[in-house]
ModelCIF file with pLDDT and N, C-alpha, C, O atoms, coordinates in Angstrom:
data_MODEL
#
_entry.id   MODEL 
#
_entity.id                         1 
_entity.type                       polymer 
_entity.pdbx_number_of_molecules   1 
#
_entity_poly.entity_id                      1 
_entity_poly.type                           'polypeptide(L)' 
_entity_poly.nstd_linkage                   no 
_entity_poly.nstd_monomer                   no 
_entity_poly.pdbx_seq_one_letter_code       LNWLNQPAWMQVHRWRYAFATQPLQQPCFSAESSPPLICCGDWCPGG 
_entity_poly.pdbx_seq_one_letter_code_can   LNWLNQPAWMQVHRWRYAFATQPLQQPCFSAESSPPLICCGDWCPGG 
_entity_poly.pdbx_strand_id                 A 
#
loop_
_entity_poly_seq.entity_id 
_entity_poly_seq.num 
_entity_poly_seq.mon_id 
_entity_poly_seq.hetero 
1 1  LEU n 
1 2  ASN n 
1 3  TRP n 
1 4  LEU n 
1 5  ASN n 
1 6  GLN n 
1 7  PRO n 
1 8  ALA n 
1 9  TRP n 
1 10 MET n 
1 11 GLN n 
1 12 VAL n 
1 13 HIS n 
1 14 ARG n 
1 15 TRP n 
1 16 ARG n 
1 17 TYR n 
1 18 ALA n 
1 19 PHE n 
1 20 ALA n 
1 21 THR n 
1 22 GLN n 
1 23 PRO n 
1 24 LEU n 
1 25 GLN n 
1 26 GLN n 
1 27 PRO n 
1 28 CYS n 
1 29 PHE n 
1 30 SER n 
1 31 ALA n 
1 32 GLU n 
1 33 SER n 
1 34 SER n 
1 35 PRO n 
1 36 PRO n 
1 37 LEU n 
1 38 ILE n 
1 39 CYS n 
1 40 CYS n 
1 41 GLY n 
1 42 ASP n 
1 43 TRP n 
1 44 CYS n 
1 45 PRO n 
1 46 GLY n 
1 47 GLY n 
#
_struct_asym.id          A 
_struct_asym.entity_id   1 
#
loop_
_ma_qa_metric.id 
_ma_qa_metric.mode 
_ma_qa_metric.name 
_ma_qa_metric.software_group_id 
_ma_qa_metric.type 
1 global pLDDT . pLDDT 
2 local  pLDDT . pLDDT 
#
_ma_qa_metric_global.metric_id      1 
_ma_qa_metric_global.metric_value   94.04 
_ma_qa_metric_global.model_id       1 
_ma_qa_metric_global.ordinal_id     1 
#
loop_
_ma_qa_metric_local.label_asym_id 
_ma_qa_metric_local.label_comp_id 
_ma_qa_metric_local.label_seq_id 
_ma_qa_metric_local.metric_id 
_ma_qa_metric_local.metric_value 
_ma_qa_metric_local.model_id 
_ma_qa_metric_local.ordinal_id 
A LEU 1  2 89.00 1 1  
A ASN 2  2 89.00 1 2  
A TRP 3  2 92.00 1 3  
A LEU 4  2 94.00 1 4  
A ASN 5  2 92.00 1 5  
A GLN 6  2 94.00 1 6  
A PRO 7  2 96.00 1 7  
A ALA 8  2 95.00 1 8  
A TRP 9  2 96.00 1 9  
A MET 10 2 96.00 1 10 
A GLN 11 2 97.00 1 11 
A VAL 12 2 97.00 1 12 
A HIS 13 2 97.00 1 13 
A ARG 14 2 97.00 1 14 
A TRP 15 2 97.00 1 15 
A ARG 16 2 96.00 1 16 
A TYR 17 2 96.00 1 17 
A ALA 18 2 95.00 1 18 
A PHE 19 2 94.00 1 19 
A ALA 20 2 94.00 1 20 
A THR 21 2 94.00 1 21 
A GLN 22 2 93.00 1 22 
A PRO 23 2 94.00 1 23 
A LEU 24 2 93.00 1 24 
A GLN 25 2 93.00 1 25 
A GLN 26 2 94.00 1 26 
A PRO 27 2 94.00 1 27 
A CYS 28 2 96.00 1 28 
A PHE 29 2 93.00 1 29 
A SER 30 2 93.00 1 30 
A ALA 31 2 92.00 1 31 
A GLU 32 2 91.00 1 32 
A SER 33 2 90.00 1 33 
A SER 34 2 90.00 1 34 
A PRO 35 2 92.00 1 35 
A PRO 36 2 94.00 1 36 
A LEU 37 2 96.00 1 37 
A ILE 38 2 96.00 1 38 
A CYS 39 2 96.00 1 39 
A CYS 40 2 97.00 1 40 
A GLY 41 2 96.00 1 41 
A ASP 42 2 94.00 1 42 
A TRP 43 2 96.00 1 43 
A CYS 44 2 96.00 1 44 
A PRO 45 2 94.00 1 45 
A GLY 46 2 92.00 1 46 
A GLY 47 2 88.00 1 47 
#
loop_
_atom_site.group_PDB 
_atom_site.id 
_atom_site.type_symbol 
_atom_site.label_atom_id 
_atom_site.label_alt_id 
_atom_site.label_comp_id 
_atom_site.label_asym_id 
_atom_site.label_entity_id 
_atom_site.label_seq_id 
_atom_site.pdbx_PDB_ins_code 
_atom_site.Cartn_x 
_atom_site.Cartn_y 
_atom_site.Cartn_z 
_atom_site.occupancy 
_atom_site.B_iso_or_equiv 
_atom_site.pdbx_formal_charge 
_atom_site.auth_seq_id 
_atom_site.auth_comp_id 
_atom_site.auth_asym_id 
_atom_site.auth_atom_id 
_atom_site.pdbx_PDB_model_num 
ATOM 1   N N  . LEU A 1 1  ? -19.493 169.554 32.144  1.00 89.00 ? 1  LEU A N  1 
ATOM 2   C CA . LEU A 1 1  ? -19.625 168.157 31.727  1.00 89.00 ? 1  LEU A CA 1 
ATOM 3   C C  . LEU A 1 1  ? -18.432 167.408 32.302  1.00 89.00 ? 1  LEU A C  1 
ATOM 4   O O  . LEU A 1 1  ? -17.463 167.130 31.596  1.00 89.00 ? 1  LEU A O  1 
ATOM 5   N N  . ASN A 1 2  ? -18.512 167.085 33.583  1.00 89.00 ? 2  ASN A N  1 
ATOM 6   C CA . ASN A 1 2  ? -17.354 166.563 34.294  1.00 89.00 ? 2  ASN A CA 1 
ATOM 7   C C  . ASN A 1 2  ? -16.852 165.226 33.770  1.00 89.00 ? 2  ASN A C  1 
ATOM 8   O O  . ASN A 1 2  ? -15.722 164.836 34.062  1.00 89.00 ? 2  ASN A O  1 
ATOM 9   N N  . TRP A 1 3  ? -17.673 164.517 33.000  1.00 92.00 ? 3  TRP A N  1 
ATOM 10  C CA . TRP A 1 3  ? -17.280 163.216 32.477  1.00 92.00 ? 3  TRP A CA 1 
ATOM 11  C C  . TRP A 1 3  ? -16.414 163.308 31.213  1.00 92.00 ? 3  TRP A C  1 
ATOM 12  O O  . TRP A 1 3  ? -15.967 162.283 30.699  1.00 92.00 ? 3  TRP A O  1 
ATOM 13  N N  . LEU A 1 4  ? -16.175 164.511 30.716  1.00 94.00 ? 4  LEU A N  1 
ATOM 14  C CA . LEU A 1 4  ? -15.383 164.624 29.494  1.00 94.00 ? 4  LEU A CA 1 
ATOM 15  C C  . LEU A 1 4  ? -13.967 164.085 29.651  1.00 94.00 ? 4  LEU A C  1 
ATOM 16  O O  . LEU A 1 4  ? -13.366 163.644 28.672  1.00 94.00 ? 4  LEU A O  1 
ATOM 17  N N  . ASN A 1 5  ? -13.422 164.112 30.874  1.00 92.00 ? 5  ASN A N  1 
ATOM 18  C CA . ASN A 1 5  ? -12.066 163.594 31.068  1.00 92.00 ? 5  ASN A CA 1 
ATOM 19  C C  . ASN A 1 5  ? -12.051 162.095 31.362  1.00 92.00 ? 5  ASN A C  1 
ATOM 20  O O  . ASN A 1 5  ? -11.052 161.561 31.845  1.00 92.00 ? 5  ASN A O  1 
ATOM 21  N N  . GLN A 1 6  ? -13.164 161.422 31.069  1.00 94.00 ? 6  GLN A N  1 
ATOM 22  C CA . GLN A 1 6  ? -13.233 159.970 31.250  1.00 94.00 ? 6  GLN A CA 1 
ATOM 23  C C  . GLN A 1 6  ? -13.730 159.316 29.955  1.00 94.00 ? 6  GLN A C  1 
ATOM 24  O O  . GLN A 1 6  ? -14.775 158.666 29.960  1.00 94.00 ? 6  GLN A O  1 
ATOM 25  N N  . PRO A 1 7  ? -13.007 159.477 28.865  1.00 96.00 ? 7  PRO A N  1 
ATOM 26  C CA . PRO A 1 7  ? -13.449 158.911 27.592  1.00 96.00 ? 7  PRO A CA 1 
ATOM 27  C C  . PRO A 1 7  ? -13.254 157.398 27.554  1.00 96.00 ? 7  PRO A C  1 
ATOM 28  O O  . PRO A 1 7  ? -12.460 156.838 28.309  1.00 96.00 ? 7  PRO A O  1 
ATOM 29  N N  . ALA A 1 8  ? -13.990 156.756 26.666  1.00 95.00 ? 8  ALA A N  1 
ATOM 30  C CA . ALA A 1 8  ? -13.773 155.327 26.437  1.00 95.00 ? 8  ALA A CA 1 
ATOM 31  C C  . ALA A 1 8  ? -12.448 155.094 25.723  1.00 95.00 ? 8  ALA A C  1 
ATOM 32  O O  . ALA A 1 8  ? -11.807 154.060 25.912  1.00 95.00 ? 8  ALA A O  1 
ATOM 33  N N  . TRP A 1 9  ? -12.042 156.057 24.904  1.00 96.00 ? 9  TRP A N  1 
ATOM 34  C CA . TRP A 1 9  ? -10.755 156.013 24.225  1.00 96.00 ? 9  TRP A CA 1 
ATOM 35  C C  . TRP A 1 9  ? -10.357 157.440 23.840  1.00 96.00 ? 9  TRP A C  1 
ATOM 36  O O  . TRP A 1 9  ? -11.205 158.330 23.770  1.00 96.00 ? 9  TRP A O  1 
ATOM 37  N N  . MET A 1 10 ? -9.095  157.644 23.597  1.00 96.00 ? 10 MET A N  1 
ATOM 38  C CA . MET A 1 10 ? -8.625  158.955 23.173  1.00 96.00 ? 10 MET A CA 1 
ATOM 39  C C  . MET A 1 10 ? -7.287  158.833 22.463  1.00 96.00 ? 10 MET A C  1 
ATOM 40  O O  . MET A 1 10 ? -6.526  157.898 22.710  1.00 96.00 ? 10 MET A O  1 
ATOM 41  N N  . GLN A 1 11 ? -7.009  159.777 21.587  1.00 97.00 ? 11 GLN A N  1 
ATOM 42  C CA . GLN A 1 11 ? -5.700  159.922 20.957  1.00 97.00 ? 11 GLN A CA 1 
ATOM 43  C C  . GLN A 1 11 ? -5.383  161.410 20.872  1.00 97.00 ? 11 GLN A C  1 
ATOM 44  O O  . GLN A 1 11 ? -6.285  162.244 20.790  1.00 97.00 ? 11 GLN A O  1 
ATOM 45  N N  . VAL A 1 12 ? -4.092  161.732 20.892  1.00 97.00 ? 12 VAL A N  1 
ATOM 46  C CA . VAL A 1 12 ? -3.657  163.130 20.809  1.00 97.00 ? 12 VAL A CA 1 
ATOM 47  C C  . VAL A 1 12 ? -2.703  163.271 19.623  1.00 97.00 ? 12 VAL A C  1 
ATOM 48  O O  . VAL A 1 12 ? -1.801  162.455 19.436  1.00 97.00 ? 12 VAL A O  1 
ATOM 49  N N  . HIS A 1 13 ? -2.918  164.310 18.835  1.00 97.00 ? 13 HIS A N  1 
ATOM 50  C CA . HIS A 1 13 ? -2.050  164.576 17.693  1.00 97.00 ? 13 HIS A CA 1 
ATOM 51  C C  . HIS A 1 13 ? -1.377  165.936 17.884  1.00 97.00 ? 13 HIS A C  1 
ATOM 52  O O  . HIS A 1 13 ? -2.002  166.908 18.307  1.00 97.00 ? 13 HIS A O  1 
ATOM 53  N N  . ARG A 1 14 ? -0.087  165.974 17.559  1.00 97.00 ? 14 ARG A N  1 
ATOM 54  C CA . ARG A 1 14 ? 0.701   167.202 17.696  1.00 97.00 ? 14 ARG A CA 1 
ATOM 55  C C  . ARG A 1 14 ? 0.840   167.858 16.314  1.00 97.00 ? 14 ARG A C  1 
ATOM 56  O O  . ARG A 1 14 ? 1.408   167.268 15.395  1.00 97.00 ? 14 ARG A O  1 
ATOM 57  N N  . TRP A 1 15 ? 0.317   169.080 16.181  1.00 97.00 ? 15 TRP A N  1 
ATOM 58  C CA . TRP A 1 15 ? 0.522   169.872 14.974  1.00 97.00 ? 15 TRP A CA 1 
ATOM 59  C C  . TRP A 1 15 ? 1.615   170.899 15.267  1.00 97.00 ? 15 TRP A C  1 
ATOM 60  O O  . TRP A 1 15 ? 1.366   171.918 15.911  1.00 97.00 ? 15 TRP A O  1 
ATOM 61  N N  . ARG A 1 16 ? 2.806   170.622 14.796  1.00 96.00 ? 16 ARG A N  1 
ATOM 62  C CA . ARG A 1 16 ? 3.934   171.527 15.065  1.00 96.00 ? 16 ARG A CA 1 
ATOM 63  C C  . ARG A 1 16 ? 3.787   172.835 14.296  1.00 96.00 ? 16 ARG A C  1 
ATOM 64  O O  . ARG A 1 16 ? 4.192   173.891 14.780  1.00 96.00 ? 16 ARG A O  1 
ATOM 65  N N  . TYR A 1 17 ? 3.215   172.767 13.108  1.00 96.00 ? 17 TYR A N  1 
ATOM 66  C CA . TYR A 1 17 ? 3.068   173.956 12.258  1.00 96.00 ? 17 TYR A CA 1 
ATOM 67  C C  . TYR A 1 17 ? 1.588   174.134 11.936  1.00 96.00 ? 17 TYR A C  1 
ATOM 68  O O  . TYR A 1 17 ? 1.167   173.914 10.800  1.00 96.00 ? 17 TYR A O  1 
ATOM 69  N N  . ALA A 1 18 ? 0.806   174.528 12.924  1.00 95.00 ? 18 ALA A N  1 
ATOM 70  C CA . ALA A 1 18 ? -0.650  174.601 12.749  1.00 95.00 ? 18 ALA A CA 1 
ATOM 71  C C  . ALA A 1 18 ? -1.086  175.879 12.036  1.00 95.00 ? 18 ALA A C  1 
ATOM 72  O O  . ALA A 1 18 ? -1.868  175.826 11.087  1.00 95.00 ? 18 ALA A O  1 
ATOM 73  N N  . PHE A 1 19 ? -0.579  177.037 12.496  1.00 94.00 ? 19 PHE A N  1 
ATOM 74  C CA . PHE A 1 19 ? -1.050  178.325 11.963  1.00 94.00 ? 19 PHE A CA 1 
ATOM 75  C C  . PHE A 1 19 ? 0.148   179.237 11.712  1.00 94.00 ? 19 PHE A C  1 
ATOM 76  O O  . PHE A 1 19 ? 1.035   179.364 12.557  1.00 94.00 ? 19 PHE A O  1 
ATOM 77  N N  . ALA A 1 20 ? 0.160   179.868 10.541  1.00 94.00 ? 20 ALA A N  1 
ATOM 78  C CA . ALA A 1 20 ? 1.232   180.820 10.235  1.00 94.00 ? 20 ALA A CA 1 
ATOM 79  C C  . ALA A 1 20 ? 0.990   182.124 10.988  1.00 94.00 ? 20 ALA A C  1 
ATOM 80  O O  . ALA A 1 20 ? -0.019  182.794 10.767  1.00 94.00 ? 20 ALA A O  1 
ATOM 81  N N  . THR A 1 21 ? 1.917   182.484 11.879  1.00 94.00 ? 21 THR A N  1 
ATOM 82  C CA . THR A 1 21 ? 1.773   183.713 12.662  1.00 94.00 ? 21 THR A CA 1 
ATOM 83  C C  . THR A 1 21 ? 2.493   184.892 12.017  1.00 94.00 ? 21 THR A C  1 
ATOM 84  O O  . THR A 1 21 ? 2.159   186.045 12.289  1.00 94.00 ? 21 THR A O  1 
ATOM 85  N N  . GLN A 1 22 ? 3.476   184.614 11.168  1.00 93.00 ? 22 GLN A N  1 
ATOM 86  C CA . GLN A 1 22 ? 4.194   185.674 10.446  1.00 93.00 ? 22 GLN A CA 1 
ATOM 87  C C  . GLN A 1 22 ? 4.241   185.296 8.965   1.00 93.00 ? 22 GLN A C  1 
ATOM 88  O O  . GLN A 1 22 ? 5.290   184.895 8.462   1.00 93.00 ? 22 GLN A O  1 
ATOM 89  N N  . PRO A 1 23 ? 3.109   185.423 8.266   1.00 94.00 ? 23 PRO A N  1 
ATOM 90  C CA . PRO A 1 23 ? 3.069   185.006 6.856   1.00 94.00 ? 23 PRO A CA 1 
ATOM 91  C C  . PRO A 1 23 ? 3.920   185.901 5.971   1.00 94.00 ? 23 PRO A C  1 
ATOM 92  O O  . PRO A 1 23 ? 4.362   186.979 6.369   1.00 94.00 ? 23 PRO A O  1 
ATOM 93  N N  . LEU A 1 24 ? 4.129   185.421 4.777   1.00 93.00 ? 24 LEU A N  1 
ATOM 94  C CA . LEU A 1 24 ? 4.967   186.126 3.814   1.00 93.00 ? 24 LEU A CA 1 
ATOM 95  C C  . LEU A 1 24 ? 4.253   187.330 3.200   1.00 93.00 ? 24 LEU A C  1 
ATOM 96  O O  . LEU A 1 24 ? 4.900   188.274 2.746   1.00 93.00 ? 24 LEU A O  1 
ATOM 97  N N  . GLN A 1 25 ? 2.925   187.295 3.189   1.00 93.00 ? 25 GLN A N  1 
ATOM 98  C CA . GLN A 1 25 ? 2.097   188.354 2.607   1.00 93.00 ? 25 GLN A CA 1 
ATOM 99  C C  . GLN A 1 25 ? 2.314   188.483 1.104   1.00 93.00 ? 25 GLN A C  1 
ATOM 100 O O  . GLN A 1 25 ? 2.348   189.591 0.568   1.00 93.00 ? 25 GLN A O  1 
ATOM 101 N N  . GLN A 1 26 ? 2.459   187.347 0.430   1.00 94.00 ? 26 GLN A N  1 
ATOM 102 C CA . GLN A 1 26 ? 2.480   187.329 -1.025  1.00 94.00 ? 26 GLN A CA 1 
ATOM 103 C C  . GLN A 1 26 ? 1.929   185.976 -1.491  1.00 94.00 ? 26 GLN A C  1 
ATOM 104 O O  . GLN A 1 26 ? 1.948   185.016 -0.721  1.00 94.00 ? 26 GLN A O  1 
ATOM 105 N N  . PRO A 1 27 ? 1.441   185.877 -2.731  1.00 94.00 ? 27 PRO A N  1 
ATOM 106 C CA . PRO A 1 27 ? 0.713   184.676 -3.145  1.00 94.00 ? 27 PRO A CA 1 
ATOM 107 C C  . PRO A 1 27 ? 1.523   183.386 -3.106  1.00 94.00 ? 27 PRO A C  1 
ATOM 108 O O  . PRO A 1 27 ? 1.023   182.354 -2.659  1.00 94.00 ? 27 PRO A O  1 
ATOM 109 N N  . CYS A 1 28 ? 2.772   183.435 -3.569  1.00 96.00 ? 28 CYS A N  1 
ATOM 110 C CA . CYS A 1 28 ? 3.643   182.265 -3.507  1.00 96.00 ? 28 CYS A CA 1 
ATOM 111 C C  . CYS A 1 28 ? 5.083   182.768 -3.425  1.00 96.00 ? 28 CYS A C  1 
ATOM 112 O O  . CYS A 1 28 ? 5.320   183.975 -3.381  1.00 96.00 ? 28 CYS A O  1 
ATOM 113 N N  . PHE A 1 29 ? 6.038   181.850 -3.404  1.00 93.00 ? 29 PHE A N  1 
ATOM 114 C CA . PHE A 1 29 ? 7.422   182.232 -3.111  1.00 93.00 ? 29 PHE A CA 1 
ATOM 115 C C  . PHE A 1 29 ? 8.345   181.554 -4.110  1.00 93.00 ? 29 PHE A C  1 
ATOM 116 O O  . PHE A 1 29 ? 8.452   180.328 -4.124  1.00 93.00 ? 29 PHE A O  1 
ATOM 117 N N  . SER A 1 30 ? 9.006   182.333 -4.935  1.00 93.00 ? 30 SER A N  1 
ATOM 118 C CA . SER A 1 30 ? 9.941   181.789 -5.919  1.00 93.00 ? 30 SER A CA 1 
ATOM 119 C C  . SER A 1 30 ? 11.358  181.814 -5.351  1.00 93.00 ? 30 SER A C  1 
ATOM 120 O O  . SER A 1 30 ? 11.789  182.804 -4.760  1.00 93.00 ? 30 SER A O  1 
ATOM 121 N N  . ALA A 1 31 ? 12.076  180.699 -5.544  1.00 92.00 ? 31 ALA A N  1 
ATOM 122 C CA . ALA A 1 31 ? 13.479  180.649 -5.122  1.00 92.00 ? 31 ALA A CA 1 
ATOM 123 C C  . ALA A 1 31 ? 14.382  181.362 -6.114  1.00 92.00 ? 31 ALA A C  1 
ATOM 124 O O  . ALA A 1 31 ? 15.586  181.475 -5.885  1.00 92.00 ? 31 ALA A O  1 
ATOM 125 N N  . GLU A 1 32 ? 13.813  181.844 -7.220  1.00 91.00 ? 32 GLU A N  1 
ATOM 126 C CA . GLU A 1 32 ? 14.556  182.562 -8.270  1.00 91.00 ? 32 GLU A CA 1 
ATOM 127 C C  . GLU A 1 32 ? 15.749  181.737 -8.747  1.00 91.00 ? 32 GLU A C  1 
ATOM 128 O O  . GLU A 1 32 ? 16.859  182.245 -8.909  1.00 91.00 ? 32 GLU A O  1 
ATOM 129 N N  . SER A 1 33 ? 15.485  180.454 -8.966  1.00 90.00 ? 33 SER A N  1 
ATOM 130 C CA . SER A 1 33 ? 16.536  179.526 -9.354  1.00 90.00 ? 33 SER A CA 1 
ATOM 131 C C  . SER A 1 33 ? 16.284  179.004 -10.758 1.00 90.00 ? 33 SER A C  1 
ATOM 132 O O  . SER A 1 33 ? 15.204  179.183 -11.321 1.00 90.00 ? 33 SER A O  1 
ATOM 133 N N  . SER A 1 34 ? 17.285  178.365 -11.304 1.00 90.00 ? 34 SER A N  1 
ATOM 134 C CA . SER A 1 34 ? 17.144  177.647 -12.559 1.00 90.00 ? 34 SER A CA 1 
ATOM 135 C C  . SER A 1 34 ? 17.756  176.262 -12.364 1.00 90.00 ? 34 SER A C  1 
ATOM 136 O O  . SER A 1 34 ? 18.954  176.147 -12.103 1.00 90.00 ? 34 SER A O  1 
ATOM 137 N N  . PRO A 1 35 ? 16.950  175.216 -12.487 1.00 92.00 ? 35 PRO A N  1 
ATOM 138 C CA . PRO A 1 35 ? 15.545  175.122 -12.891 1.00 92.00 ? 35 PRO A CA 1 
ATOM 139 C C  . PRO A 1 35 ? 14.619  175.791 -11.869 1.00 92.00 ? 35 PRO A C  1 
ATOM 140 O O  . PRO A 1 35 ? 15.021  176.045 -10.734 1.00 92.00 ? 35 PRO A O  1 
ATOM 141 N N  . PRO A 1 36 ? 13.369  176.076 -12.282 1.00 94.00 ? 36 PRO A N  1 
ATOM 142 C CA . PRO A 1 36 ? 12.445  176.785 -11.389 1.00 94.00 ? 36 PRO A CA 1 
ATOM 143 C C  . PRO A 1 36 ? 12.075  175.966 -10.151 1.00 94.00 ? 36 PRO A C  1 
ATOM 144 O O  . PRO A 1 36 ? 11.946  174.743 -10.205 1.00 94.00 ? 36 PRO A O  1 
ATOM 145 N N  . LEU A 1 37 ? 11.908  176.679 -9.038  1.00 96.00 ? 37 LEU A N  1 
ATOM 146 C CA . LEU A 1 37 ? 11.447  176.079 -7.790  1.00 96.00 ? 37 LEU A CA 1 
ATOM 147 C C  . LEU A 1 37 ? 10.544  177.102 -7.086  1.00 96.00 ? 37 LEU A C  1 
ATOM 148 O O  . LEU A 1 37 ? 10.960  178.227 -6.810  1.00 96.00 ? 37 LEU A O  1 
ATOM 149 N N  . ILE A 1 38 ? 9.305   176.691 -6.803  1.00 96.00 ? 38 ILE A N  1 
ATOM 150 C CA . ILE A 1 38 ? 8.309   177.572 -6.188  1.00 96.00 ? 38 ILE A CA 1 
ATOM 151 C C  . ILE A 1 38 ? 7.815   176.949 -4.900  1.00 96.00 ? 38 ILE A C  1 
ATOM 152 O O  . ILE A 1 38 ? 7.566   175.745 -4.846  1.00 96.00 ? 38 ILE A O  1 
ATOM 153 N N  . CYS A 1 39 ? 7.671   177.760 -3.858  1.00 96.00 ? 39 CYS A N  1 
ATOM 154 C CA . CYS A 1 39 ? 7.044   177.322 -2.612  1.00 96.00 ? 39 CYS A CA 1 
ATOM 155 C C  . CYS A 1 39 ? 5.648   177.930 -2.533  1.00 96.00 ? 39 CYS A C  1 
ATOM 156 O O  . CYS A 1 39 ? 5.428   179.067 -2.950  1.00 96.00 ? 39 CYS A O  1 
ATOM 157 N N  . CYS A 1 40 ? 4.707   177.153 -1.990  1.00 97.00 ? 40 CYS A N  1 
ATOM 158 C CA . CYS A 1 40 ? 3.366   177.681 -1.809  1.00 97.00 ? 40 CYS A CA 1 
ATOM 159 C C  . CYS A 1 40 ? 2.754   177.093 -0.550  1.00 97.00 ? 40 CYS A C  1 
ATOM 160 O O  . CYS A 1 40 ? 3.263   176.117 0.003   1.00 97.00 ? 40 CYS A O  1 
ATOM 161 N N  . GLY A 1 41 ? 1.661   177.691 -0.100  1.00 96.00 ? 41 GLY A N  1 
ATOM 162 C CA . GLY A 1 41 ? 0.994   177.230 1.112   1.00 96.00 ? 41 GLY A CA 1 
ATOM 163 C C  . GLY A 1 41 ? 0.261   178.382 1.765   1.00 96.00 ? 41 GLY A C  1 
ATOM 164 O O  . GLY A 1 41 ? 0.396   179.531 1.346   1.00 96.00 ? 41 GLY A O  1 
ATOM 165 N N  . ASP A 1 42 ? -0.521  178.073 2.799   1.00 94.00 ? 42 ASP A N  1 
ATOM 166 C CA . ASP A 1 42 ? -1.277  179.134 3.467   1.00 94.00 ? 42 ASP A CA 1 
ATOM 167 C C  . ASP A 1 42 ? -0.367  180.159 4.125   1.00 94.00 ? 42 ASP A C  1 
ATOM 168 O O  . ASP A 1 42 ? -0.798  181.278 4.404   1.00 94.00 ? 42 ASP A O  1 
ATOM 169 N N  . TRP A 1 43 ? 0.885   179.794 4.376   1.00 96.00 ? 43 TRP A N  1 
ATOM 170 C CA . TRP A 1 43 ? 1.830   180.704 5.014   1.00 96.00 ? 43 TRP A CA 1 
ATOM 171 C C  . TRP A 1 43 ? 2.354   181.772 4.048   1.00 96.00 ? 43 TRP A C  1 
ATOM 172 O O  . TRP A 1 43 ? 3.014   182.717 4.481   1.00 96.00 ? 43 TRP A O  1 
ATOM 173 N N  . CYS A 1 44 ? 2.074   181.641 2.770   1.00 96.00 ? 44 CYS A N  1 
ATOM 174 C CA . CYS A 1 44 ? 2.512   182.681 1.820   1.00 96.00 ? 44 CYS A CA 1 
ATOM 175 C C  . CYS A 1 44 ? 1.608   183.906 1.915   1.00 96.00 ? 44 CYS A C  1 
ATOM 176 O O  . CYS A 1 44 ? 2.080   184.966 2.328   1.00 96.00 ? 44 CYS A O  1 
ATOM 177 N N  . PRO A 1 45 ? 0.322   183.809 1.551   1.00 94.00 ? 45 PRO A N  1 
ATOM 178 C CA . PRO A 1 45 ? -0.517  185.005 1.678   1.00 94.00 ? 45 PRO A CA 1 
ATOM 179 C C  . PRO A 1 45 ? -0.985  185.242 3.102   1.00 94.00 ? 45 PRO A C  1 
ATOM 180 O O  . PRO A 1 45 ? -1.314  186.372 3.461   1.00 94.00 ? 45 PRO A O  1 
ATOM 181 N N  . GLY A 1 46 ? -1.021  184.193 3.924   1.00 92.00 ? 46 GLY A N  1 
ATOM 182 C CA . GLY A 1 46 ? -1.547  184.309 5.282   1.00 92.00 ? 46 GLY A CA 1 
ATOM 183 C C  . GLY A 1 46 ? -3.025  184.000 5.297   1.00 92.00 ? 46 GLY A C  1 
ATOM 184 O O  . GLY A 1 46 ? -3.803  184.602 4.558   1.00 92.00 ? 46 GLY A O  1 
ATOM 185 N N  . GLY A 1 47 ? -3.411  183.061 6.142   1.00 88.00 ? 47 GLY A N  1 
ATOM 186 C CA . GLY A 1 47 ? -4.804  182.641 6.214   1.00 88.00 ? 47 GLY A CA 1 
ATOM 187 C C  . GLY A 1 47 ? -4.898  181.144 6.404   1.00 88.00 ? 47 GLY A C  1 
ATOM 188 O O  . GLY A 1 47 ? -5.999  180.600 6.488   1.00 88.00 ? 47 GLY A O  1 
#
């Protein structure tokens, strides 16, 4: 489809952190602090 590089308009978005390649392999991440602080996201269990 040679016309794909001739769009009427286009925009490009940069995802710096798109996919976790070295996940934590646990459900969430506690900083073990007081007061409590928890990190979560797809990068914790991986997926």
